[in-house]
C-alpha cells in the first residue's frame, strides 16, 4: 500500500502573519487524509535527515551557514519572503528525512509508492541559495539518494507546482542521469523555466503555461511534451514535486486547474512508472496555498497513488 510520511515538527516552522506558506497547510493535508477512504495508507513519521544527504545536492558551505543562522528565538529572514523560526531547522530536516525514507521504502519494494507530506517546500532551493519559501530541495535529494544508494542509472523529477522549480533545474542542469520536467505558469515567480531552457544534455523539459490556460492546456503539455520525453528517457524512479497551487482557488497564481487534473496527471505518471520504473513513484509536497483547494487536490493525488 501507499506509504504516507509526515511529522508534526513540520508545523513548527513559523512564518510571519499573513504569509501563504503557513502551518495550517499541513493541518489541512492531515485533516483530509484522516478521512476513512484513506485508512489503507501506511502511516509513518518522517525521521530527520542528515547533512550527508543534504550535501548530495547542496554545497557544504551553504548548509553550514544555514545551520548557523537558524535562530533559537524570533525570526531570521534569508530573503524577502523566506524566513527561519526556531522550529525551522528540524522541519526542514524532517522534509529531507521523509523524502529519503520514502525513496528507501519504494526502492526496497516495501511500498509501490509514497507521499511525503512535509513543509517547508523545497523546489526553489538552489545549490547554495534558499528562496521562495524553500531551504533544501527534497525531491532532488531523493533522486540523488536513489542513484547513490541503489545505482539508479536514470531518475526523473516531475514538477507540476504552478511555480517553476528553479532549484531542481539548477541542481540537475548539467546532469545527463536525471530528467527534470515542469509545467508552470509563466510569467510568474521565479522567472525561470522557458521552453528553451533544456540543460546541457537535453534532460530539462519545461512546458510553461500562460495565466488562465486551464485543464486542457495543462493536460496537452503532459501528453504532447513531457510524457513523450519521459518515455524516451525511461526513468527507473519517478519523483513528483507535488505542488497544488495551480488549483483555481489558489491566491498566488491563475492556472485554473481542478482537483481531478492532479488525479489525472498522477495516474499518467504511475502508468509510465509501471512501464519503465517497476511502478516506483515518490511524491513530495511542494506548494498549494488555498486550504480547500489543497485538500481537494491532495485527496485526488493520493487517491490515484493508492489505486496502484
C-alpha atoms as a PDB file:
ATOM      1  CA  UNK A   1       0.000   0.000   0.000  1.00  0.00           C
ATOM      2  CA  UNK A   2       0.923   3.637  -0.406  1.00  0.00           C
ATOM      3  CA  UNK A   3       3.220   4.978   2.323  1.00  0.00           C
ATOM      4  CA  UNK A   4       2.459   8.351   3.938  1.00  0.00           C
ATOM      5  CA  UNK A   5       5.297  10.106   5.724  1.00  0.00           C
ATOM      6  CA  UNK A   6       4.755  13.280   7.734  1.00  0.00           C
ATOM      7  CA  UNK A   7       5.745  14.798  11.086  1.00  0.00           C
ATOM      8  CA  UNK A   8       4.168  17.351  13.386  1.00  0.00           C
ATOM      9  CA  UNK A   9       7.576  19.047  13.754  1.00  0.00           C
ATOM     10  CA  UNK A  10       6.842  20.463  10.294  1.00  0.00           C
ATOM     11  CA  UNK A  11       4.135  22.595  11.937  1.00  0.00           C
ATOM     12  CA  UNK A  12       6.818  24.351  13.998  1.00  0.00           C
ATOM     13  CA  UNK A  13       8.339  26.167  11.023  1.00  0.00           C
ATOM     14  CA  UNK A  14       6.640  29.504  11.690  1.00  0.00           C
ATOM     15  CA  UNK A  15       6.241  32.251   9.115  1.00  0.00           C
ATOM     16  CA  UNK A  16       5.148  35.898   9.548  1.00  0.00           C
ATOM     17  CA  UNK A  17       1.415  36.641   9.948  1.00  0.00           C
ATOM     18  CA  UNK A  18      -0.396  36.556   6.613  1.00  0.00           C
ATOM     19  CA  UNK A  19       2.343  34.503   4.936  1.00  0.00           C
ATOM     20  CA  UNK A  20       0.863  31.951   2.479  1.00  0.00           C
ATOM     21  CA  UNK A  21       3.266  29.139   3.475  1.00  0.00           C
ATOM     22  CA  UNK A  22       1.817  28.547   6.927  1.00  0.00           C
ATOM     23  CA  UNK A  23       1.400  25.595   9.317  1.00  0.00           C
ATOM     24  CA  UNK A  24      -2.336  25.409   8.512  1.00  0.00           C
ATOM     25  CA  UNK A  25      -1.398  23.985   5.119  1.00  0.00           C
ATOM     26  CA  UNK A  26      -0.086  20.806   6.695  1.00  0.00           C
ATOM     27  CA  UNK A  27      -3.000  20.642   9.138  1.00  0.00           C
ATOM     28  CA  UNK A  28      -5.360  20.787   6.138  1.00  0.00           C
ATOM     29  CA  UNK A  29      -3.493  17.919   4.442  1.00  0.00           C
ATOM     30  CA  UNK A  30      -3.588  15.862   7.658  1.00  0.00           C
ATOM     31  CA  UNK A  31      -7.298  16.533   8.032  1.00  0.00           C
ATOM     32  CA  UNK A  32      -8.244  15.359   4.549  1.00  0.00           C
ATOM     33  CA  UNK A  33      -6.021  12.262   4.769  1.00  0.00           C
ATOM     34  CA  UNK A  34      -7.697  11.349   8.075  1.00  0.00           C
ATOM     35  CA  UNK A  35     -10.901  10.504   6.156  1.00  0.00           C
ATOM     36  CA  UNK A  36     -11.987   6.862   6.122  1.00  0.00           C
ATOM     37  CA  UNK A  37     -11.200   6.404   2.448  1.00  0.00           C
ATOM     38  CA  UNK A  38      -7.519   6.889   3.267  1.00  0.00           C
ATOM     39  CA  UNK A  39      -7.480   4.272   6.052  1.00  0.00           C
ATOM     40  CA  UNK A  40      -5.374   1.932   3.934  1.00  0.00           C
ATOM     41  CA  UNK A  41      -2.422   4.352   3.889  1.00  0.00           C
ATOM     42  CA  UNK A  42       0.591   3.063   5.804  1.00  0.00           C
ATOM     43  CA  UNK A  43       1.465   5.981   8.083  1.00  0.00           C
ATOM     44  CA  UNK A  44       4.960   6.624   9.402  1.00  0.00           C
ATOM     45  CA  UNK A  45       6.747   9.566  10.959  1.00  0.00           C
ATOM     46  CA  UNK A  46       9.323  11.288   8.788  1.00  0.00           C
ATOM     47  CA  UNK A  47      12.699  10.935  10.517  1.00  0.00           C
ATOM     48  CA  UNK A  48      15.254  13.730  10.491  1.00  0.00           C
ATOM     49  CA  UNK A  49      17.597  13.595   7.536  1.00  0.00           C
ATOM     50  CA  UNK A  50      21.332  14.087   7.893  1.00  0.00           C
ATOM     51  CA  UNK A  51      23.808  16.528   6.411  1.00  0.00           C
ATOM     52  CA  UNK A  52      25.384  13.878   4.154  1.00  0.00           C
ATOM     53  CA  UNK A  53      22.011  13.540   2.444  1.00  0.00           C
ATOM     54  CA  UNK A  54      21.622  17.305   2.098  1.00  0.00           C
ATOM     55  CA  UNK A  55      25.088  17.722   0.570  1.00  0.00           C
ATOM     56  CA  UNK A  56      24.134  15.316  -2.222  1.00  0.00           C
ATOM     57  CA  UNK A  57      22.540  18.446  -3.751  1.00  0.00           C
ATOM     58  CA  UNK A  58      23.659  21.475  -1.756  1.00  0.00           C
ATOM     59  CA  UNK A  59      27.087  22.979  -1.090  1.00  0.00           C
ATOM     60  CA  UNK A  60      28.639  22.220   2.283  1.00  0.00           C
ATOM     61  CA  UNK A  61      29.352  25.884   2.978  1.00  0.00           C
ATOM     62  CA  UNK A  62      25.709  26.797   2.297  1.00  0.00           C
ATOM     63  CA  UNK A  63      24.414  24.034   4.576  1.00  0.00           C
ATOM     64  CA  UNK A  64      26.766  25.043   7.428  1.00  0.00           C
ATOM     65  CA  UNK A  65      25.831  28.703   7.004  1.00  0.00           C
ATOM     66  CA  UNK A  66      22.092  27.952   7.113  1.00  0.00           C
ATOM     67  CA  UNK A  67      22.513  25.792  10.213  1.00  0.00           C
ATOM     68  CA  UNK A  68      24.468  28.617  11.783  1.00  0.00           C
ATOM     69  CA  UNK A  69      21.837  31.315  11.190  1.00  0.00           C
ATOM     70  CA  UNK A  70      18.883  29.164  12.343  1.00  0.00           C
ATOM     71  CA  UNK A  71      17.530  31.186  15.280  1.00  0.00           C
ATOM     72  CA  UNK A  72      16.850  29.958  18.817  1.00  0.00           C
ATOM     73  CA  UNK A  73      14.252  32.718  19.213  1.00  0.00           C
ATOM     74  CA  UNK A  74      12.453  35.184  16.995  1.00  0.00           C
ATOM     75  CA  UNK A  75      12.689  35.104  13.210  1.00  0.00           C
ATOM     76  CA  UNK A  76      15.523  35.477  10.712  1.00  0.00           C
ATOM     77  CA  UNK A  77      14.882  36.476   7.082  1.00  0.00           C
ATOM     78  CA  UNK A  78      17.081  34.807   4.478  1.00  0.00           C
ATOM     79  CA  UNK A  79      15.329  36.722   1.682  1.00  0.00           C
ATOM     80  CA  UNK A  80      12.220  38.877   1.255  1.00  0.00           C
ATOM     81  CA  UNK A  81       9.743  36.011   1.608  1.00  0.00           C
ATOM     82  CA  UNK A  82      11.779  33.198   3.175  1.00  0.00           C
ATOM     83  CA  UNK A  83      12.340  33.188   6.924  1.00  0.00           C
ATOM     84  CA  UNK A  84      13.514  30.850   9.687  1.00  0.00           C
ATOM     85  CA  UNK A  85      11.994  30.414  13.153  1.00  0.00           C
ATOM     86  CA  UNK A  86      13.348  28.220  15.989  1.00  0.00           C
ATOM     87  CA  UNK A  87      11.369  25.237  14.617  1.00  0.00           C
ATOM     88  CA  UNK A  88      12.509  25.658  11.014  1.00  0.00           C
ATOM     89  CA  UNK A  89      15.707  23.600  11.059  1.00  0.00           C
ATOM     90  CA  UNK A  90      14.021  20.443  12.372  1.00  0.00           C
ATOM     91  CA  UNK A  91      11.083  20.896   9.963  1.00  0.00           C
ATOM     92  CA  UNK A  92      13.495  21.195   7.031  1.00  0.00           C
ATOM     93  CA  UNK A  93      15.476  18.135   8.126  1.00  0.00           C
ATOM     94  CA  UNK A  94      12.252  16.093   8.537  1.00  0.00           C
ATOM     95  CA  UNK A  95      11.473  17.001   4.929  1.00  0.00           C
ATOM     96  CA  UNK A  96      14.851  15.637   3.828  1.00  0.00           C
ATOM     97  CA  UNK A  97      14.482  12.529   6.006  1.00  0.00           C
ATOM     98  CA  UNK A  98      10.928  11.933   4.800  1.00  0.00           C
ATOM     99  CA  UNK A  99      11.947  12.102   1.135  1.00  0.00           C
ATOM    100  CA  UNK A 100      14.932   9.787   1.673  1.00  0.00           C
ATOM    101  CA  UNK A 101      12.954   7.272   3.776  1.00  0.00           C
ATOM    102  CA  UNK A 102      10.147   7.204   1.199  1.00  0.00           C
ATOM    103  CA  UNK A 103      12.731   6.518  -1.511  1.00  0.00           C
ATOM    104  CA  UNK A 104      14.267   3.677   0.538  1.00  0.00           C
ATOM    105  CA  UNK A 105      10.840   2.097   1.119  1.00  0.00           C
ATOM    106  CA  UNK A 106       9.885   2.281  -2.558  1.00  0.00           C
ATOM    107  CA  UNK A 107      13.293   1.104  -3.796  1.00  0.00           C
ATOM    108  CA  UNK A 108      13.217  -1.832  -1.379  1.00  0.00           C
ATOM    109  CA  UNK A 109       9.799  -2.830  -2.724  1.00  0.00           C
ATOM    110  CA  UNK A 110       8.072  -2.390   0.651  1.00  0.00           C
ATOM    111  CA  UNK A 111       5.623   0.068  -0.904  1.00  0.00           C
ATOM    112  CA  UNK A 112       4.788   0.728  -4.571  1.00  0.00           C
ATOM    113  CA  UNK A 113       4.773   4.470  -3.948  1.00  0.00           C
ATOM    114  CA  UNK A 114       4.827   7.100  -1.213  1.00  0.00           C
ATOM    115  CA  UNK A 115       3.563  10.592  -0.416  1.00  0.00           C
ATOM    116  CA  UNK A 116       5.715  12.819   1.783  1.00  0.00           C
ATOM    117  CA  UNK A 117       3.550  15.499   3.441  1.00  0.00           C
ATOM    118  CA  UNK A 118       6.052  17.983   4.821  1.00  0.00           C
ATOM    119  CA  UNK A 119       6.740  21.712   4.833  1.00  0.00           C
ATOM    120  CA  UNK A 120       8.502  23.989   4.053  1.00  0.00           C
ATOM    121  CA  UNK A 121       8.589  23.089   0.341  1.00  0.00           C
ATOM    122  CA  UNK A 122      11.901  22.595  -1.450  1.00  0.00           C
ATOM    123  CA  UNK A 123      11.967  23.041  -5.233  1.00  0.00           C
ATOM    124  CA  UNK A 124      13.138  26.683  -5.291  1.00  0.00           C
ATOM    125  CA  UNK A 125      16.248  25.975  -3.195  1.00  0.00           C
ATOM    126  CA  UNK A 126      19.274  26.149  -5.487  1.00  0.00           C
ATOM    127  CA  UNK A 127      22.651  24.512  -4.773  1.00  0.00           C
ATOM    128  CA  UNK A 128      23.659  27.332  -2.472  1.00  0.00           C
ATOM    129  CA  UNK A 129      20.655  29.682  -2.252  1.00  0.00           C
ATOM    130  CA  UNK A 130      17.456  29.472  -0.208  1.00  0.00           C
ATOM    131  CA  UNK A 131      14.498  31.214  -1.851  1.00  0.00           C
ATOM    132  CA  UNK A 132      10.755  31.126  -2.471  1.00  0.00           C
ATOM    133  CA  UNK A 133       9.947  29.636   0.980  1.00  0.00           C
ATOM    134  CA  UNK A 134      12.481  26.798   0.334  1.00  0.00           C
ATOM    135  CA  UNK A 135      15.760  25.768   2.005  1.00  0.00           C
ATOM    136  CA  UNK A 136      16.714  22.276   0.776  1.00  0.00           C
ATOM    137  CA  UNK A 137      15.370  20.555  -2.348  1.00  0.00           C
ATOM    138  CA  UNK A 138      13.740  17.371  -1.009  1.00  0.00           C
ATOM    139  CA  UNK A 139      12.786  15.978  -4.421  1.00  0.00           C
ATOM    140  CA  UNK A 140      16.292  16.461  -5.822  1.00  0.00           C
ATOM    141  CA  UNK A 141      17.844  14.891  -2.724  1.00  0.00           C
ATOM    142  CA  UNK A 142      15.547  11.871  -3.094  1.00  0.00           C
ATOM    143  CA  UNK A 143      16.633  11.394  -6.722  1.00  0.00           C
ATOM    144  CA  UNK A 144      20.342  11.677  -5.881  1.00  0.00           C
ATOM    145  CA  UNK A 145      19.961   9.359  -2.898  1.00  0.00           C
ATOM    146  CA  UNK A 146      18.352   6.713  -5.128  1.00  0.00           C
ATOM    147  CA  UNK A 147      21.273   7.000  -7.525  1.00  0.00           C
ATOM    148  CA  UNK A 148      23.959   6.826  -4.846  1.00  0.00           C
ATOM    149  CA  UNK A 149      22.451   4.060  -2.758  1.00  0.00           C
ATOM    150  CA  UNK A 150      20.735   1.898  -5.379  1.00  0.00           C
ATOM    151  CA  UNK A 151      22.745   2.621  -8.508  1.00  0.00           C
ATOM    152  CA  UNK A 152      19.754   4.011 -10.403  1.00  0.00           C
ATOM    153  CA  UNK A 153      21.051   4.994 -13.844  1.00  0.00           C
ATOM    154  CA  UNK A 154      18.164   7.337 -14.713  1.00  0.00           C
ATOM    155  CA  UNK A 155      15.857   9.164 -12.327  1.00  0.00           C
ATOM    156  CA  UNK A 156      13.166  11.716 -13.202  1.00  0.00           C
ATOM    157  CA  UNK A 157      11.749  14.598 -11.183  1.00  0.00           C
ATOM    158  CA  UNK A 158       8.357  15.756 -12.469  1.00  0.00           C
ATOM    159  CA  UNK A 159       7.092  19.054 -11.093  1.00  0.00           C
ATOM    160  CA  UNK A 160       3.503  20.289 -11.546  1.00  0.00           C
ATOM    161  CA  UNK A 161       3.707  23.085  -8.970  1.00  0.00           C
ATOM    162  CA  UNK A 162       2.462  26.344 -10.516  1.00  0.00           C
ATOM    163  CA  UNK A 163       5.899  27.901  -9.928  1.00  0.00           C
ATOM    164  CA  UNK A 164       8.923  26.655 -11.846  1.00  0.00           C
ATOM    165  CA  UNK A 165      11.336  24.561  -9.762  1.00  0.00           C
ATOM    166  CA  UNK A 166      14.417  26.660 -10.467  1.00  0.00           C
ATOM    167  CA  UNK A 167      16.287  24.857  -7.671  1.00  0.00           C
ATOM    168  CA  UNK A 168      15.779  21.406  -9.165  1.00  0.00           C
ATOM    169  CA  UNK A 169      16.711  22.734 -12.602  1.00  0.00           C
ATOM    170  CA  UNK A 170      19.864  24.345 -11.158  1.00  0.00           C
ATOM    171  CA  UNK A 171      20.911  21.121  -9.404  1.00  0.00           C
ATOM    172  CA  UNK A 172      20.451  18.876 -12.456  1.00  0.00           C
ATOM    173  CA  UNK A 173      21.257  21.314 -15.286  1.00  0.00           C
ATOM    174  CA  UNK A 174      24.461  19.518 -16.307  1.00  0.00           C
ATOM    175  CA  UNK A 175      23.432  16.002 -15.245  1.00  0.00           C
ATOM    176  CA  UNK A 176      22.560  13.525 -18.019  1.00  0.00           C
ATOM    177  CA  UNK A 177      21.262  10.958 -15.490  1.00  0.00           C
ATOM    178  CA  UNK A 178      18.333  12.974 -14.103  1.00  0.00           C
ATOM    179  CA  UNK A 179      15.488  14.370 -16.200  1.00  0.00           C
ATOM    180  CA  UNK A 180      13.624  17.356 -14.767  1.00  0.00           C
ATOM    181  CA  UNK A 181      10.177  18.103 -16.236  1.00  0.00           C
ATOM    182  CA  UNK A 182       7.967  21.009 -15.235  1.00  0.00           C
ATOM    183  CA  UNK A 183       4.630  22.591 -16.049  1.00  0.00           C
ATOM    184  CA  UNK A 184       4.303  26.059 -14.544  1.00  0.00           C
ATOM    185  CA  UNK A 185       2.651  29.401 -15.087  1.00  0.00           C
ATOM    186  CA  UNK A 186       4.739  31.990 -16.915  1.00  0.00           C
ATOM    187  CA  UNK A 187       5.318  34.853 -16.343  1.00  0.00           C
ATOM    188  CA  UNK A 188       5.422  34.193 -12.599  1.00  0.00           C
ATOM    189  CA  UNK A 189       7.964  33.800  -9.786  1.00  0.00           C
ATOM    190  CA  UNK A 190      10.837  32.817 -10.059  1.00  0.00           C
ATOM    191  CA  UNK A 191      11.046  33.804 -13.743  1.00  0.00           C
ATOM    192  CA  UNK A 192      12.883  30.692 -14.935  1.00  0.00           C
ATOM    193  CA  UNK A 193      11.515  27.750 -16.929  1.00  0.00           C
ATOM    194  CA  UNK A 194      11.345  28.962 -20.520  1.00  0.00           C
ATOM    195  CA  UNK A 195      10.837  26.335 -23.212  1.00  0.00           C
ATOM    196  CA  UNK A 196      14.402  26.880 -24.445  1.00  0.00           C
ATOM    197  CA  UNK A 197      15.986  26.051 -21.064  1.00  0.00           C
ATOM    198  CA  UNK A 198      16.928  22.436 -21.760  1.00  0.00           C
ATOM    199  CA  UNK A 199      20.068  21.766 -19.760  1.00  0.00           C
ATOM    200  CA  UNK A 200      23.434  20.617 -21.074  1.00  0.00           C
ATOM    201  CA  UNK A 201      22.150  17.172 -22.064  1.00  0.00           C
ATOM    202  CA  UNK A 202      18.596  17.973 -23.174  1.00  0.00           C
ATOM    203  CA  UNK A 203      17.271  16.489 -19.927  1.00  0.00           C
ATOM    204  CA  UNK A 204      15.437  19.620 -18.769  1.00  0.00           C
ATOM    205  CA  UNK A 205      11.874  19.701 -20.143  1.00  0.00           C
ATOM    206  CA  UNK A 206       9.977  22.916 -19.475  1.00  0.00           C
ATOM    207  CA  UNK A 207       6.353  23.358 -20.520  1.00  0.00           C
ATOM    208  CA  UNK A 208       5.417  26.910 -19.496  1.00  0.00           C
ATOM    209  CA  UNK A 209       1.706  27.747 -19.468  1.00  0.00           C
ATOM    210  CA  UNK A 210       0.059  31.165 -19.725  1.00  0.00           C
ATOM    211  CA  UNK A 211      -2.223  32.568 -17.000  1.00  0.00           C
ATOM    212  CA  UNK A 212      -5.771  31.154 -17.281  1.00  0.00           C
ATOM    213  CA  UNK A 213      -4.601  28.279 -19.538  1.00  0.00           C
ATOM    214  CA  UNK A 214      -6.598  25.723 -17.539  1.00  0.00           C
ATOM    215  CA  UNK A 215      -7.044  21.957 -17.644  1.00  0.00           C
ATOM    216  CA  UNK A 216      -6.937  21.280 -21.387  1.00  0.00           C
ATOM    217  CA  UNK A 217      -3.622  23.047 -21.947  1.00  0.00           C
ATOM    218  CA  UNK A 218      -2.103  21.519 -18.802  1.00  0.00           C
ATOM    219  CA  UNK A 219      -3.046  18.028 -19.972  1.00  0.00           C
ATOM    220  CA  UNK A 220      -1.831  18.751 -23.506  1.00  0.00           C
ATOM    221  CA  UNK A 221       1.556  19.863 -22.134  1.00  0.00           C
ATOM    222  CA  UNK A 222       1.922  16.464 -20.481  1.00  0.00           C
ATOM    223  CA  UNK A 223       0.536  14.445 -23.403  1.00  0.00           C
ATOM    224  CA  UNK A 224       2.498  16.227 -26.133  1.00  0.00           C
ATOM    225  CA  UNK A 225       5.761  17.213 -24.477  1.00  0.00           C
ATOM    226  CA  UNK A 226       6.512  15.818 -21.040  1.00  0.00           C
ATOM    227  CA  UNK A 227       5.263  12.217 -21.235  1.00  0.00           C
ATOM    228  CA  UNK A 228       6.895  11.504 -24.642  1.00  0.00           C
ATOM    229  CA  UNK A 229      10.245  12.871 -23.389  1.00  0.00           C
ATOM    230  CA  UNK A 230       9.975  10.862 -20.170  1.00  0.00           C
ATOM    231  CA  UNK A 231       9.089   7.703 -22.073  1.00  0.00           C
ATOM    232  CA  UNK A 232      12.159   8.151 -24.258  1.00  0.00           C
ATOM    233  CA  UNK A 233      14.347   8.773 -21.186  1.00  0.00           C
ATOM    234  CA  UNK A 234      12.933   5.660 -19.475  1.00  0.00           C
ATOM    235  CA  UNK A 235      13.449   6.567 -15.797  1.00  0.00           C
ATOM    236  CA  UNK A 236      13.906   3.839 -13.188  1.00  0.00           C
ATOM    237  CA  UNK A 237      12.319   6.012 -10.497  1.00  0.00           C
ATOM    238  CA  UNK A 238       9.905   8.947 -10.729  1.00  0.00           C
ATOM    239  CA  UNK A 239       9.920  11.644  -8.050  1.00  0.00           C
ATOM    240  CA  UNK A 240       6.975  14.054  -8.126  1.00  0.00           C
ATOM    241  CA  UNK A 241       7.321  17.632  -6.901  1.00  0.00           C
ATOM    242  CA  UNK A 242       3.646  17.765  -5.969  1.00  0.00           C
ATOM    243  CA  UNK A 243       2.633  21.406  -5.733  1.00  0.00           C
ATOM    244  CA  UNK A 244      -1.091  22.104  -5.821  1.00  0.00           C
ATOM    245  CA  UNK A 245      -1.042  25.887  -6.303  1.00  0.00           C
ATOM    246  CA  UNK A 246      -2.157  25.573  -9.947  1.00  0.00           C
ATOM    247  CA  UNK A 247      -5.642  24.883  -8.454  1.00  0.00           C
ATOM    248  CA  UNK A 248      -8.184  27.528  -9.498  1.00  0.00           C
ATOM    249  CA  UNK A 249      -8.731  28.633  -5.889  1.00  0.00           C
ATOM    250  CA  UNK A 250      -5.065  29.380  -5.214  1.00  0.00           C
ATOM    251  CA  UNK A 251      -4.254  33.011  -4.376  1.00  0.00           C
ATOM    252  CA  UNK A 252      -0.704  33.000  -5.799  1.00  0.00           C
ATOM    253  CA  UNK A 253      -1.427  32.101  -9.425  1.00  0.00           C
ATOM    254  CA  UNK A 254      -4.111  31.693 -12.081  1.00  0.00           C
ATOM    255  CA  UNK A 255      -3.692  28.443 -13.992  1.00  0.00           C
ATOM    256  CA  UNK A 256      -7.215  27.364 -13.006  1.00  0.00           C
ATOM    257  CA  UNK A 257      -6.669  23.619 -12.671  1.00  0.00           C
ATOM    258  CA  UNK A 258      -9.178  21.416 -10.863  1.00  0.00           C
ATOM    259  CA  UNK A 259      -8.513  18.663  -8.346  1.00  0.00           C
ATOM    260  CA  UNK A 260      -9.218  15.991 -10.978  1.00  0.00           C
ATOM    261  CA  UNK A 261      -6.346  17.316 -13.115  1.00  0.00           C
ATOM    262  CA  UNK A 262      -3.947  16.344 -10.338  1.00  0.00           C
ATOM    263  CA  UNK A 263      -5.537  12.893 -10.144  1.00  0.00           C
ATOM    264  CA  UNK A 264      -5.205  12.556 -13.919  1.00  0.00           C
ATOM    265  CA  UNK A 265      -1.526  13.540 -14.080  1.00  0.00           C
ATOM    266  CA  UNK A 266      -0.707  11.280 -11.129  1.00  0.00           C
ATOM    267  CA  UNK A 267      -2.249   8.290 -12.948  1.00  0.00           C
ATOM    268  CA  UNK A 268      -0.355   9.151 -16.137  1.00  0.00           C
ATOM    269  CA  UNK A 269       2.951   9.244 -14.242  1.00  0.00           C
ATOM    270  CA  UNK A 270       2.112   5.977 -12.483  1.00  0.00           C
ATOM    271  CA  UNK A 271       1.361   4.319 -15.837  1.00  0.00           C
ATOM    272  CA  UNK A 272       4.722   5.471 -17.124  1.00  0.00           C
ATOM    273  CA  UNK A 273       6.442   4.280 -13.943  1.00  0.00           C
ATOM    274  CA  UNK A 274       4.810   0.874 -14.476  1.00  0.00           C
ATOM    275  CA  UNK A 275       6.454   0.680 -17.896  1.00  0.00           C
ATOM    276  CA  UNK A 276       9.961   1.843 -17.016  1.00  0.00           C
ATOM    277  CA  UNK A 277      10.424   2.017 -13.237  1.00  0.00           C
ATOM    278  CA  UNK A 278       8.742  -1.061 -11.764  1.00  0.00           C
ATOM    279  CA  UNK A 279       5.930   1.275 -10.671  1.00  0.00           C
ATOM    280  CA  UNK A 280       8.215   3.217  -8.315  1.00  0.00           C
ATOM    281  CA  UNK A 281       6.911   6.721  -7.538  1.00  0.00           C
ATOM    282  CA  UNK A 282       7.820   9.022  -4.643  1.00  0.00           C
ATOM    283  CA  UNK A 283       5.766  12.208  -4.278  1.00  0.00           C
ATOM    284  CA  UNK A 284       6.859  15.164  -2.141  1.00  0.00           C
ATOM    285  CA  UNK A 285       4.552  18.045  -1.216  1.00  0.00           C
ATOM    286  CA  UNK A 286       5.521  21.461  -2.584  1.00  0.00           C
ATOM    287  CA  UNK A 287       3.115  24.428  -2.824  1.00  0.00           C
ATOM    288  CA  UNK A 288      -0.649  24.891  -2.514  1.00  0.00           C
ATOM    289  CA  UNK A 289      -1.880  27.865  -0.515  1.00  0.00           C
ATOM    290  CA  UNK A 290      -5.671  27.793  -0.554  1.00  0.00           C
ATOM    291  CA  UNK A 291      -6.602  25.277   2.133  1.00  0.00           C
ATOM    292  CA  UNK A 292      -9.742  23.945   0.446  1.00  0.00           C
ATOM    293  CA  UNK A 293      -8.019  23.709  -2.940  1.00  0.00           C
ATOM    294  CA  UNK A 294      -5.076  21.987  -1.279  1.00  0.00           C
ATOM    295  CA  UNK A 295      -7.326  19.433   0.426  1.00  0.00           C
ATOM    296  CA  UNK A 296      -9.248  18.611  -2.749  1.00  0.00           C
ATOM    297  CA  UNK A 297      -6.046  18.295  -4.776  1.00  0.00           C
ATOM    298  CA  UNK A 298      -4.153  16.184  -2.247  1.00  0.00           C
ATOM    299  CA  UNK A 299      -7.179  13.897  -1.951  1.00  0.00           C
ATOM    300  CA  UNK A 300      -7.237  13.385  -5.740  1.00  0.00           C
ATOM    301  CA  UNK A 301      -3.462  12.866  -5.884  1.00  0.00           C
ATOM    302  CA  UNK A 302      -3.287  10.362  -3.024  1.00  0.00           C
ATOM    303  CA  UNK A 303      -6.401   8.518  -4.219  1.00  0.00           C
ATOM    304  CA  UNK A 304      -4.631   7.994  -7.542  1.00  0.00           C
ATOM    305  CA  UNK A 305      -1.451   6.795  -5.796  1.00  0.00           C
ATOM    306  CA  UNK A 306      -3.497   4.289  -3.760  1.00  0.00           C
ATOM    307  CA  UNK A 307      -5.038   2.904  -6.927  1.00  0.00           C
ATOM    308  CA  UNK A 308      -1.730   1.237  -7.793  1.00  0.00           C
END
